[in-house]
Amino acid sequence: MRSIRALFLRFSISEKTLLVVFALLIVVVWFLGFNRRAWKFKAEARATGSELALQQQWLDNRTAIEEAAKKTAARLDPAKTLDASALNATVVGLAAEAGLRSSTGDQREESTGQFNVHTLVMRIDKAEWAALSKFYLSLQSRSPYIGIEQCTLVPDRGSPGLTSANLRVSAPEVVR
């Protein structure tokens, strides 16, 4: 340490100033990086804490959720619930009855023990509002066995009066 001090004292004033400024720059850059990492850690810790609190809330309400699921399952007629292929056929059939051309996309299944929830993504291109409304009402009449989770309507710029629709339709299936 003494040799470093002796070396520093031999430098001229301009060299000492430049060395001190350089050392201060290193400290400032290090501090800014540390500060950024500390804020990021704090945000991640807060997000993790809120996620854990939400999970604990679900665990605390587990019995109430299970009871509600049993009551809902008791109200559903298992013969009217649809599996994945029946959901696809029913929704495409209802669209055809309404006079719509549709195409289906992703199909997913989520199992929850008592229920299998089947989800279907479908697209309807260049449809008249009356046909879309008829299709919607026919889907609504099948509630709670078929439901619309998400619907996006996009007016067709080239043809006034026509609308395209993207739908995500789901149906619960009671596991027998």
N, C-alpha and C. Protein backbone atom coordinates (compact mmCIF):
# COMPACT_ATOMS: atom_id res chain seq x y z
N MET A 1 0.82 -1.18 0.00
CA MET A 1 0.00 0.00 0.00
C MET A 1 0.87 1.26 0.00
N ARG A 2 2.00 1.20 0.73
CA ARG A 2 2.90 2.36 0.76
C ARG A 2 3.51 2.64 -0.60
N SER A 3 3.80 1.56 -1.34
CA SER A 3 4.41 1.77 -2.66
C SER A 3 3.41 2.42 -3.62
N ILE A 4 2.13 2.08 -3.49
CA ILE A 4 1.11 2.72 -4.33
C ILE A 4 0.97 4.18 -3.96
N ARG A 5 1.01 4.48 -2.66
CA ARG A 5 0.91 5.88 -2.21
C ARG A 5 2.12 6.68 -2.70
N ALA A 6 3.29 6.09 -2.59
CA ALA A 6 4.50 6.79 -3.04
C ALA A 6 4.45 7.03 -4.54
N LEU A 7 3.94 6.06 -5.30
CA LEU A 7 3.81 6.22 -6.73
C LEU A 7 2.82 7.35 -7.06
N PHE A 8 1.72 7.40 -6.33
CA PHE A 8 0.71 8.43 -6.56
C PHE A 8 1.27 9.83 -6.26
N LEU A 9 2.05 9.95 -5.20
CA LEU A 9 2.61 11.25 -4.82
C LEU A 9 3.64 11.74 -5.84
N ARG A 10 4.28 10.86 -6.57
CA ARG A 10 5.26 11.26 -7.58
C ARG A 10 4.62 11.83 -8.85
N PHE A 11 3.30 11.54 -9.05
CA PHE A 11 2.61 12.04 -10.25
C PHE A 11 2.45 13.55 -10.18
N SER A 12 2.35 14.17 -11.35
CA SER A 12 2.08 15.62 -11.39
C SER A 12 0.61 15.85 -11.07
N ILE A 13 0.25 17.11 -10.86
CA ILE A 13 -1.12 17.48 -10.48
C ILE A 13 -2.11 17.03 -11.58
N SER A 14 -1.77 17.23 -12.83
CA SER A 14 -2.68 16.86 -13.92
C SER A 14 -2.85 15.33 -13.97
N GLU A 15 -1.78 14.59 -13.73
CA GLU A 15 -1.90 13.13 -13.71
C GLU A 15 -2.74 12.66 -12.54
N LYS A 16 -2.55 13.31 -11.36
CA LYS A 16 -3.36 12.96 -10.19
C LYS A 16 -4.84 13.25 -10.44
N THR A 17 -5.13 14.40 -11.04
CA THR A 17 -6.51 14.78 -11.32
C THR A 17 -7.15 13.79 -12.29
N LEU A 18 -6.42 13.46 -13.35
CA LEU A 18 -6.93 12.52 -14.34
C LEU A 18 -7.18 11.15 -13.71
N LEU A 19 -6.29 10.71 -12.86
CA LEU A 19 -6.43 9.42 -12.19
C LEU A 19 -7.64 9.42 -11.25
N VAL A 20 -7.84 10.52 -10.51
CA VAL A 20 -8.99 10.61 -9.59
C VAL A 20 -10.30 10.65 -10.39
N VAL A 21 -10.33 11.42 -11.49
CA VAL A 21 -11.53 11.48 -12.32
C VAL A 21 -11.85 10.10 -12.91
N PHE A 22 -10.82 9.41 -13.38
CA PHE A 22 -11.01 8.07 -13.93
C PHE A 22 -11.56 7.12 -12.86
N ALA A 23 -11.03 7.18 -11.65
CA ALA A 23 -11.51 6.34 -10.56
C ALA A 23 -12.96 6.67 -10.21
N LEU A 24 -13.31 7.98 -10.21
CA LEU A 24 -14.68 8.38 -9.94
C LEU A 24 -15.64 7.87 -11.02
N LEU A 25 -15.22 7.91 -12.28
CA LEU A 25 -16.05 7.39 -13.36
C LEU A 25 -16.32 5.90 -13.19
N ILE A 26 -15.30 5.17 -12.80
CA ILE A 26 -15.47 3.73 -12.57
C ILE A 26 -16.48 3.50 -11.44
N VAL A 27 -16.38 4.27 -10.37
CA VAL A 27 -17.30 4.12 -9.24
C VAL A 27 -18.73 4.47 -9.67
N VAL A 28 -18.90 5.54 -10.45
CA VAL A 28 -20.23 5.95 -10.90
C VAL A 28 -20.86 4.89 -11.80
N VAL A 29 -20.10 4.36 -12.76
CA VAL A 29 -20.61 3.31 -13.64
C VAL A 29 -20.98 2.07 -12.83
N TRP A 30 -20.14 1.70 -11.89
CA TRP A 30 -20.44 0.54 -11.06
C TRP A 30 -21.71 0.79 -10.24
N PHE A 31 -21.86 1.98 -9.67
CA PHE A 31 -23.02 2.30 -8.86
C PHE A 31 -24.30 2.28 -9.70
N LEU A 32 -24.26 2.81 -10.91
CA LEU A 32 -25.44 2.81 -11.77
C LEU A 32 -25.86 1.37 -12.12
N GLY A 33 -24.90 0.53 -12.43
CA GLY A 33 -25.21 -0.88 -12.70
C GLY A 33 -25.78 -1.58 -11.48
N PHE A 34 -25.20 -1.32 -10.33
CA PHE A 34 -25.70 -1.90 -9.08
C PHE A 34 -27.12 -1.43 -8.80
N ASN A 35 -27.35 -0.13 -9.00
CA ASN A 35 -28.67 0.44 -8.76
C ASN A 35 -29.72 -0.20 -9.68
N ARG A 36 -29.38 -0.38 -10.96
CA ARG A 36 -30.30 -1.00 -11.91
C ARG A 36 -30.61 -2.43 -11.50
N ARG A 37 -29.59 -3.17 -11.11
CA ARG A 37 -29.82 -4.56 -10.68
C ARG A 37 -30.65 -4.61 -9.40
N ALA A 38 -30.42 -3.67 -8.49
CA ALA A 38 -31.18 -3.64 -7.25
C ALA A 38 -32.67 -3.36 -7.51
N TRP A 39 -32.98 -2.40 -8.40
CA TRP A 39 -34.38 -2.11 -8.72
C TRP A 39 -35.04 -3.29 -9.42
N LYS A 40 -34.29 -3.96 -10.30
CA LYS A 40 -34.84 -5.12 -10.99
C LYS A 40 -35.13 -6.25 -9.99
N PHE A 41 -34.21 -6.46 -9.06
CA PHE A 41 -34.42 -7.48 -8.04
C PHE A 41 -35.64 -7.15 -7.18
N LYS A 42 -35.78 -5.87 -6.82
CA LYS A 42 -36.92 -5.45 -6.00
C LYS A 42 -38.24 -5.67 -6.74
N ALA A 43 -38.28 -5.34 -8.04
CA ALA A 43 -39.50 -5.55 -8.84
C ALA A 43 -39.83 -7.04 -8.95
N GLU A 44 -38.81 -7.86 -9.19
CA GLU A 44 -39.05 -9.30 -9.30
C GLU A 44 -39.49 -9.89 -7.96
N ALA A 45 -38.91 -9.41 -6.87
CA ALA A 45 -39.31 -9.89 -5.54
C ALA A 45 -40.76 -9.51 -5.25
N ARG A 46 -41.15 -8.29 -5.64
CA ARG A 46 -42.52 -7.85 -5.43
C ARG A 46 -43.49 -8.68 -6.27
N ALA A 47 -43.13 -8.95 -7.53
CA ALA A 47 -43.99 -9.76 -8.41
C ALA A 47 -44.11 -11.19 -7.88
N THR A 48 -43.01 -11.73 -7.41
CA THR A 48 -43.05 -13.08 -6.84
C THR A 48 -43.91 -13.11 -5.59
N GLY A 49 -43.79 -12.09 -4.76
CA GLY A 49 -44.60 -12.02 -3.54
C GLY A 49 -46.08 -11.93 -3.85
N SER A 50 -46.45 -11.13 -4.83
CA SER A 50 -47.87 -11.02 -5.18
C SER A 50 -48.38 -12.31 -5.80
N GLU A 51 -47.55 -12.98 -6.60
CA GLU A 51 -47.94 -14.27 -7.18
C GLU A 51 -48.13 -15.32 -6.08
N LEU A 52 -47.24 -15.34 -5.11
CA LEU A 52 -47.38 -16.28 -3.99
C LEU A 52 -48.62 -15.98 -3.17
N ALA A 53 -48.94 -14.70 -2.97
CA ALA A 53 -50.14 -14.32 -2.23
C ALA A 53 -51.40 -14.78 -2.98
N LEU A 54 -51.39 -14.63 -4.31
CA LEU A 54 -52.52 -15.07 -5.12
C LEU A 54 -52.67 -16.59 -5.05
N GLN A 55 -51.56 -17.31 -5.13
CA GLN A 55 -51.62 -18.77 -5.03
C GLN A 55 -52.12 -19.20 -3.66
N GLN A 56 -51.70 -18.49 -2.62
CA GLN A 56 -52.16 -18.82 -1.27
C GLN A 56 -53.66 -18.57 -1.13
N GLN A 57 -54.14 -17.52 -1.79
CA GLN A 57 -55.57 -17.23 -1.78
C GLN A 57 -56.36 -18.37 -2.44
N TRP A 58 -55.86 -18.87 -3.57
CA TRP A 58 -56.51 -20.01 -4.23
C TRP A 58 -56.49 -21.24 -3.30
N LEU A 59 -55.36 -21.47 -2.65
CA LEU A 59 -55.27 -22.62 -1.74
C LEU A 59 -56.19 -22.47 -0.55
N ASP A 60 -56.29 -21.25 -0.02
CA ASP A 60 -57.17 -21.01 1.12
C ASP A 60 -58.64 -21.21 0.76
N ASN A 61 -59.00 -20.91 -0.48
CA ASN A 61 -60.39 -21.02 -0.93
C ASN A 61 -60.66 -22.33 -1.66
N ARG A 62 -59.78 -23.28 -1.50
CA ARG A 62 -59.89 -24.53 -2.24
C ARG A 62 -61.21 -25.25 -1.98
N THR A 63 -61.62 -25.35 -0.75
CA THR A 63 -62.86 -26.08 -0.46
C THR A 63 -64.07 -25.38 -1.07
N ALA A 64 -64.10 -24.06 -0.99
CA ALA A 64 -65.23 -23.31 -1.58
C ALA A 64 -65.24 -23.48 -3.09
N ILE A 65 -64.07 -23.47 -3.71
CA ILE A 65 -63.99 -23.64 -5.16
C ILE A 65 -64.44 -25.03 -5.57
N GLU A 66 -64.02 -26.04 -4.80
CA GLU A 66 -64.43 -27.40 -5.12
C GLU A 66 -65.92 -27.59 -4.94
N GLU A 67 -66.50 -26.99 -3.91
CA GLU A 67 -67.94 -27.07 -3.69
C GLU A 67 -68.70 -26.39 -4.83
N ALA A 68 -68.22 -25.23 -5.26
CA ALA A 68 -68.86 -24.52 -6.38
C ALA A 68 -68.77 -25.34 -7.66
N ALA A 69 -67.65 -26.01 -7.86
CA ALA A 69 -67.49 -26.85 -9.05
C ALA A 69 -68.45 -28.04 -9.00
N LYS A 70 -68.63 -28.62 -7.82
CA LYS A 70 -69.57 -29.74 -7.68
C LYS A 70 -71.00 -29.29 -7.94
N LYS A 71 -71.37 -28.11 -7.43
CA LYS A 71 -72.73 -27.59 -7.66
C LYS A 71 -72.94 -27.30 -9.14
N THR A 72 -71.91 -26.74 -9.79
CA THR A 72 -72.02 -26.45 -11.22
C THR A 72 -72.13 -27.74 -12.01
N ALA A 73 -71.35 -28.73 -11.64
CA ALA A 73 -71.40 -30.02 -12.34
C ALA A 73 -72.76 -30.67 -12.15
N ALA A 74 -73.37 -30.49 -10.99
CA ALA A 74 -74.68 -31.07 -10.74
C ALA A 74 -75.76 -30.42 -11.60
N ARG A 75 -75.59 -29.13 -11.93
CA ARG A 75 -76.57 -28.42 -12.75
C ARG A 75 -76.44 -28.76 -14.23
N LEU A 76 -75.26 -29.23 -14.64
CA LEU A 76 -75.05 -29.56 -16.05
C LEU A 76 -75.52 -30.98 -16.33
N ASP A 77 -76.16 -31.14 -17.47
CA ASP A 77 -76.56 -32.46 -17.92
C ASP A 77 -75.38 -33.06 -18.68
N PRO A 78 -74.75 -34.12 -18.15
CA PRO A 78 -73.57 -34.67 -18.82
C PRO A 78 -73.82 -35.10 -20.26
N ALA A 79 -75.06 -35.44 -20.60
CA ALA A 79 -75.36 -35.85 -21.97
C ALA A 79 -75.29 -34.67 -22.94
N LYS A 80 -75.48 -33.46 -22.44
CA LYS A 80 -75.45 -32.28 -23.32
C LYS A 80 -74.07 -31.65 -23.44
N THR A 81 -73.13 -32.07 -22.58
CA THR A 81 -71.78 -31.50 -22.68
C THR A 81 -71.09 -32.06 -23.90
N LEU A 82 -70.14 -31.30 -24.42
CA LEU A 82 -69.51 -31.65 -25.69
C LEU A 82 -68.03 -31.97 -25.51
N ASP A 83 -67.56 -32.97 -26.23
CA ASP A 83 -66.13 -33.22 -26.28
C ASP A 83 -65.54 -32.35 -27.39
N ALA A 84 -64.26 -32.48 -27.66
CA ALA A 84 -63.58 -31.59 -28.62
C ALA A 84 -64.15 -31.72 -30.02
N SER A 85 -64.36 -32.94 -30.49
CA SER A 85 -64.86 -33.12 -31.86
C SER A 85 -66.31 -32.68 -31.97
N ALA A 86 -67.11 -32.92 -30.93
CA ALA A 86 -68.51 -32.49 -30.96
C ALA A 86 -68.60 -30.96 -30.92
N LEU A 87 -67.71 -30.32 -30.18
CA LEU A 87 -67.68 -28.85 -30.15
C LEU A 87 -67.38 -28.31 -31.54
N ASN A 88 -66.36 -28.88 -32.18
CA ASN A 88 -65.98 -28.44 -33.52
C ASN A 88 -67.15 -28.62 -34.49
N ALA A 89 -67.76 -29.80 -34.49
CA ALA A 89 -68.85 -30.08 -35.41
C ALA A 89 -70.06 -29.18 -35.14
N THR A 90 -70.37 -28.96 -33.88
CA THR A 90 -71.53 -28.13 -33.52
C THR A 90 -71.33 -26.68 -33.93
N VAL A 91 -70.17 -26.13 -33.62
CA VAL A 91 -69.92 -24.72 -33.93
C VAL A 91 -69.85 -24.50 -35.44
N VAL A 92 -69.19 -25.38 -36.16
CA VAL A 92 -69.12 -25.25 -37.62
C VAL A 92 -70.51 -25.43 -38.22
N GLY A 93 -71.30 -26.35 -37.67
CA GLY A 93 -72.67 -26.55 -38.15
C GLY A 93 -73.55 -25.33 -37.90
N LEU A 94 -73.43 -24.73 -36.72
CA LEU A 94 -74.21 -23.52 -36.42
C LEU A 94 -73.81 -22.37 -37.34
N ALA A 95 -72.53 -22.28 -37.65
CA ALA A 95 -72.06 -21.23 -38.57
C ALA A 95 -72.63 -21.47 -39.96
N ALA A 96 -72.66 -22.72 -40.41
CA ALA A 96 -73.19 -23.04 -41.73
C ALA A 96 -74.70 -22.76 -41.79
N GLU A 97 -75.41 -23.07 -40.69
CA GLU A 97 -76.85 -22.78 -40.63
C GLU A 97 -77.11 -21.29 -40.74
N ALA A 98 -76.22 -20.47 -40.20
CA ALA A 98 -76.38 -19.02 -40.26
C ALA A 98 -75.92 -18.46 -41.60
N GLY A 99 -75.38 -19.32 -42.47
CA GLY A 99 -74.93 -18.87 -43.78
C GLY A 99 -73.53 -18.30 -43.78
N LEU A 100 -72.70 -18.75 -42.85
CA LEU A 100 -71.33 -18.23 -42.72
C LEU A 100 -70.31 -19.25 -43.18
N ARG A 101 -69.24 -18.76 -43.80
CA ARG A 101 -68.09 -19.61 -44.12
C ARG A 101 -67.10 -19.44 -42.99
N SER A 102 -66.73 -20.53 -42.38
CA SER A 102 -65.82 -20.44 -41.23
C SER A 102 -64.66 -21.39 -41.41
N SER A 103 -63.59 -21.07 -40.70
CA SER A 103 -62.43 -21.97 -40.64
C SER A 103 -62.02 -22.07 -39.18
N THR A 104 -61.60 -23.25 -38.79
CA THR A 104 -61.20 -23.45 -37.40
C THR A 104 -59.69 -23.53 -37.31
N GLY A 105 -59.20 -23.15 -36.14
CA GLY A 105 -57.76 -23.15 -35.90
C GLY A 105 -57.42 -24.03 -34.72
N ASP A 106 -56.65 -23.48 -33.81
CA ASP A 106 -56.18 -24.22 -32.65
C ASP A 106 -57.32 -24.77 -31.81
N GLN A 107 -57.11 -25.97 -31.31
CA GLN A 107 -58.03 -26.59 -30.38
C GLN A 107 -57.23 -27.00 -29.16
N ARG A 108 -57.73 -26.64 -27.98
CA ARG A 108 -57.03 -26.99 -26.75
C ARG A 108 -57.99 -27.69 -25.80
N GLU A 109 -57.40 -28.42 -24.88
CA GLU A 109 -58.18 -29.08 -23.84
C GLU A 109 -57.49 -28.84 -22.51
N GLU A 110 -58.28 -28.47 -21.52
CA GLU A 110 -57.76 -28.24 -20.18
C GLU A 110 -58.56 -29.09 -19.22
N SER A 111 -57.89 -29.97 -18.51
CA SER A 111 -58.57 -30.86 -17.57
C SER A 111 -58.46 -30.31 -16.17
N THR A 112 -59.59 -30.34 -15.45
CA THR A 112 -59.60 -29.83 -14.08
C THR A 112 -60.07 -30.89 -13.09
N GLY A 113 -60.14 -32.12 -13.50
CA GLY A 113 -60.60 -33.17 -12.61
C GLY A 113 -62.04 -33.55 -12.93
N GLN A 114 -63.00 -32.67 -12.56
CA GLN A 114 -64.40 -32.93 -12.85
C GLN A 114 -64.78 -32.53 -14.27
N PHE A 115 -64.03 -31.58 -14.83
CA PHE A 115 -64.36 -31.04 -16.14
C PHE A 115 -63.17 -31.14 -17.08
N ASN A 116 -63.48 -31.27 -18.35
CA ASN A 116 -62.52 -31.02 -19.42
C ASN A 116 -63.09 -29.81 -20.15
N VAL A 117 -62.31 -28.75 -20.27
CA VAL A 117 -62.77 -27.57 -20.98
C VAL A 117 -62.10 -27.56 -22.34
N HIS A 118 -62.91 -27.65 -23.38
CA HIS A 118 -62.41 -27.67 -24.75
C HIS A 118 -62.54 -26.27 -25.33
N THR A 119 -61.49 -25.79 -25.97
CA THR A 119 -61.47 -24.45 -26.55
C THR A 119 -61.15 -24.57 -28.03
N LEU A 120 -61.87 -23.80 -28.84
CA LEU A 120 -61.73 -23.83 -30.28
C LEU A 120 -61.60 -22.40 -30.79
N VAL A 121 -60.63 -22.17 -31.66
CA VAL A 121 -60.46 -20.86 -32.29
C VAL A 121 -61.02 -20.96 -33.70
N MET A 122 -61.87 -20.01 -34.04
CA MET A 122 -62.44 -20.04 -35.39
C MET A 122 -62.43 -18.64 -36.00
N ARG A 123 -62.45 -18.62 -37.32
CA ARG A 123 -62.42 -17.36 -38.06
C ARG A 123 -63.55 -17.37 -39.07
N ILE A 124 -64.25 -16.25 -39.12
CA ILE A 124 -65.33 -16.06 -40.09
C ILE A 124 -64.95 -14.84 -40.91
N ASP A 125 -64.85 -15.00 -42.22
CA ASP A 125 -64.44 -13.91 -43.11
C ASP A 125 -65.62 -13.36 -43.88
N LYS A 126 -65.65 -12.05 -44.00
CA LYS A 126 -66.59 -11.32 -44.86
C LYS A 126 -68.02 -11.80 -44.70
N ALA A 127 -68.57 -11.54 -43.51
CA ALA A 127 -69.94 -11.95 -43.21
C ALA A 127 -70.82 -10.72 -43.04
N GLU A 128 -72.08 -10.87 -43.35
CA GLU A 128 -73.05 -9.81 -43.11
C GLU A 128 -73.44 -9.82 -41.64
N TRP A 129 -73.84 -8.66 -41.17
CA TRP A 129 -74.16 -8.52 -39.74
C TRP A 129 -75.32 -9.41 -39.34
N ALA A 130 -76.33 -9.56 -40.20
CA ALA A 130 -77.50 -10.38 -39.86
C ALA A 130 -77.08 -11.84 -39.66
N ALA A 131 -76.18 -12.34 -40.49
CA ALA A 131 -75.72 -13.72 -40.36
C ALA A 131 -74.89 -13.90 -39.09
N LEU A 132 -74.04 -12.92 -38.80
CA LEU A 132 -73.24 -12.99 -37.56
C LEU A 132 -74.14 -12.95 -36.34
N SER A 133 -75.16 -12.11 -36.38
CA SER A 133 -76.09 -12.00 -35.26
C SER A 133 -76.85 -13.31 -35.07
N LYS A 134 -77.27 -13.93 -36.16
CA LYS A 134 -77.97 -15.21 -36.09
C LYS A 134 -77.06 -16.29 -35.48
N PHE A 135 -75.82 -16.30 -35.90
CA PHE A 135 -74.84 -17.26 -35.37
C PHE A 135 -74.64 -17.03 -33.87
N TYR A 136 -74.50 -15.77 -33.47
CA TYR A 136 -74.31 -15.43 -32.06
C TYR A 136 -75.50 -15.91 -31.23
N LEU A 137 -76.70 -15.64 -31.70
CA LEU A 137 -77.90 -16.05 -30.96
C LEU A 137 -78.01 -17.56 -30.86
N SER A 138 -77.62 -18.27 -31.92
CA SER A 138 -77.66 -19.74 -31.85
C SER A 138 -76.62 -20.28 -30.88
N LEU A 139 -75.44 -19.62 -30.81
CA LEU A 139 -74.45 -20.02 -29.79
C LEU A 139 -74.95 -19.71 -28.39
N GLN A 140 -75.58 -18.56 -28.23
CA GLN A 140 -76.07 -18.14 -26.92
C GLN A 140 -77.17 -19.09 -26.43
N SER A 141 -77.97 -19.63 -27.35
CA SER A 141 -79.03 -20.55 -26.94
C SER A 141 -78.46 -21.86 -26.40
N ARG A 142 -77.20 -22.16 -26.71
CA ARG A 142 -76.55 -23.38 -26.23
C ARG A 142 -75.83 -23.17 -24.89
N SER A 143 -75.92 -21.98 -24.31
CA SER A 143 -75.26 -21.68 -23.04
C SER A 143 -75.89 -22.51 -21.94
N PRO A 144 -75.21 -23.02 -21.01
CA PRO A 144 -73.81 -22.92 -20.62
C PRO A 144 -72.93 -24.01 -21.23
N TYR A 145 -73.48 -24.74 -22.20
CA TYR A 145 -72.72 -25.84 -22.79
C TYR A 145 -71.73 -25.37 -23.85
N ILE A 146 -71.98 -24.21 -24.44
CA ILE A 146 -71.04 -23.58 -25.36
C ILE A 146 -71.01 -22.10 -25.00
N GLY A 147 -69.81 -21.54 -24.91
CA GLY A 147 -69.69 -20.12 -24.58
C GLY A 147 -68.59 -19.46 -25.41
N ILE A 148 -68.76 -18.16 -25.62
CA ILE A 148 -67.75 -17.39 -26.34
C ILE A 148 -66.83 -16.76 -25.31
N GLU A 149 -65.56 -17.13 -25.34
CA GLU A 149 -64.57 -16.55 -24.44
C GLU A 149 -64.06 -15.21 -24.95
N GLN A 150 -63.86 -15.13 -26.25
CA GLN A 150 -63.30 -13.92 -26.85
C GLN A 150 -63.87 -13.77 -28.24
N CYS A 151 -64.17 -12.52 -28.60
CA CYS A 151 -64.69 -12.23 -29.94
C CYS A 151 -64.09 -10.92 -30.41
N THR A 152 -63.54 -10.93 -31.60
CA THR A 152 -62.98 -9.73 -32.21
C THR A 152 -63.64 -9.53 -33.56
N LEU A 153 -64.27 -8.37 -33.74
CA LEU A 153 -64.92 -8.04 -35.00
C LEU A 153 -64.08 -7.01 -35.73
N VAL A 154 -63.85 -7.25 -37.02
CA VAL A 154 -63.05 -6.35 -37.84
C VAL A 154 -63.84 -6.02 -39.10
N PRO A 155 -64.21 -4.75 -39.30
CA PRO A 155 -64.94 -4.41 -40.52
C PRO A 155 -64.05 -4.58 -41.75
N ASP A 156 -64.65 -5.03 -42.83
CA ASP A 156 -63.92 -5.23 -44.07
C ASP A 156 -63.81 -3.89 -44.80
N ARG A 157 -62.61 -3.43 -45.03
CA ARG A 157 -62.39 -2.12 -45.65
C ARG A 157 -62.79 -2.10 -47.12
N GLY A 158 -62.64 -3.22 -47.78
CA GLY A 158 -62.93 -3.28 -49.20
C GLY A 158 -64.41 -3.42 -49.50
N SER A 159 -65.17 -3.99 -48.57
CA SER A 159 -66.59 -4.22 -48.79
C SER A 159 -67.39 -3.67 -47.62
N PRO A 160 -67.97 -2.49 -47.76
CA PRO A 160 -68.76 -1.93 -46.66
C PRO A 160 -69.94 -2.84 -46.34
N GLY A 161 -70.23 -2.99 -45.07
CA GLY A 161 -71.33 -3.84 -44.66
C GLY A 161 -70.91 -5.25 -44.31
N LEU A 162 -69.67 -5.62 -44.63
CA LEU A 162 -69.18 -6.96 -44.30
C LEU A 162 -68.20 -6.86 -43.13
N THR A 163 -68.22 -7.90 -42.32
CA THR A 163 -67.38 -7.93 -41.13
C THR A 163 -66.71 -9.29 -41.02
N SER A 164 -65.48 -9.31 -40.55
CA SER A 164 -64.79 -10.56 -40.25
C SER A 164 -64.76 -10.72 -38.73
N ALA A 165 -64.80 -11.95 -38.27
CA ALA A 165 -64.83 -12.22 -36.83
C ALA A 165 -63.82 -13.30 -36.49
N ASN A 166 -63.14 -13.10 -35.37
CA ASN A 166 -62.27 -14.11 -34.78
C ASN A 166 -62.88 -14.47 -33.44
N LEU A 167 -63.14 -15.74 -33.22
CA LEU A 167 -63.81 -16.20 -32.01
C LEU A 167 -62.98 -17.26 -31.30
N ARG A 168 -63.06 -17.25 -29.98
CA ARG A 168 -62.55 -18.36 -29.19
C ARG A 168 -63.74 -18.88 -28.41
N VAL A 169 -64.17 -20.10 -28.76
CA VAL A 169 -65.36 -20.71 -28.20
C VAL A 169 -64.93 -21.85 -27.29
N SER A 170 -65.63 -22.01 -26.17
CA SER A 170 -65.26 -23.09 -25.26
C SER A 170 -66.50 -23.86 -24.82
N ALA A 171 -66.27 -25.09 -24.41
CA ALA A 171 -67.36 -25.96 -23.94
C ALA A 171 -66.82 -26.85 -22.83
N PRO A 172 -67.53 -26.89 -21.71
CA PRO A 172 -67.12 -27.81 -20.63
C PRO A 172 -67.67 -29.21 -20.91
N GLU A 173 -66.89 -30.19 -20.56
CA GLU A 173 -67.33 -31.57 -20.67
C GLU A 173 -67.22 -32.18 -19.28
N VAL A 174 -68.34 -32.71 -18.79
CA VAL A 174 -68.34 -33.35 -17.47
C VAL A 174 -67.67 -34.71 -17.62
N VAL A 175 -66.64 -34.93 -16.81
CA VAL A 175 -65.94 -36.21 -16.84
C VAL A 175 -66.80 -37.23 -16.13
N ARG A 176 -67.13 -38.28 -16.83
CA ARG A 176 -68.04 -39.30 -16.26
C ARG A 176 -67.27 -40.35 -15.53
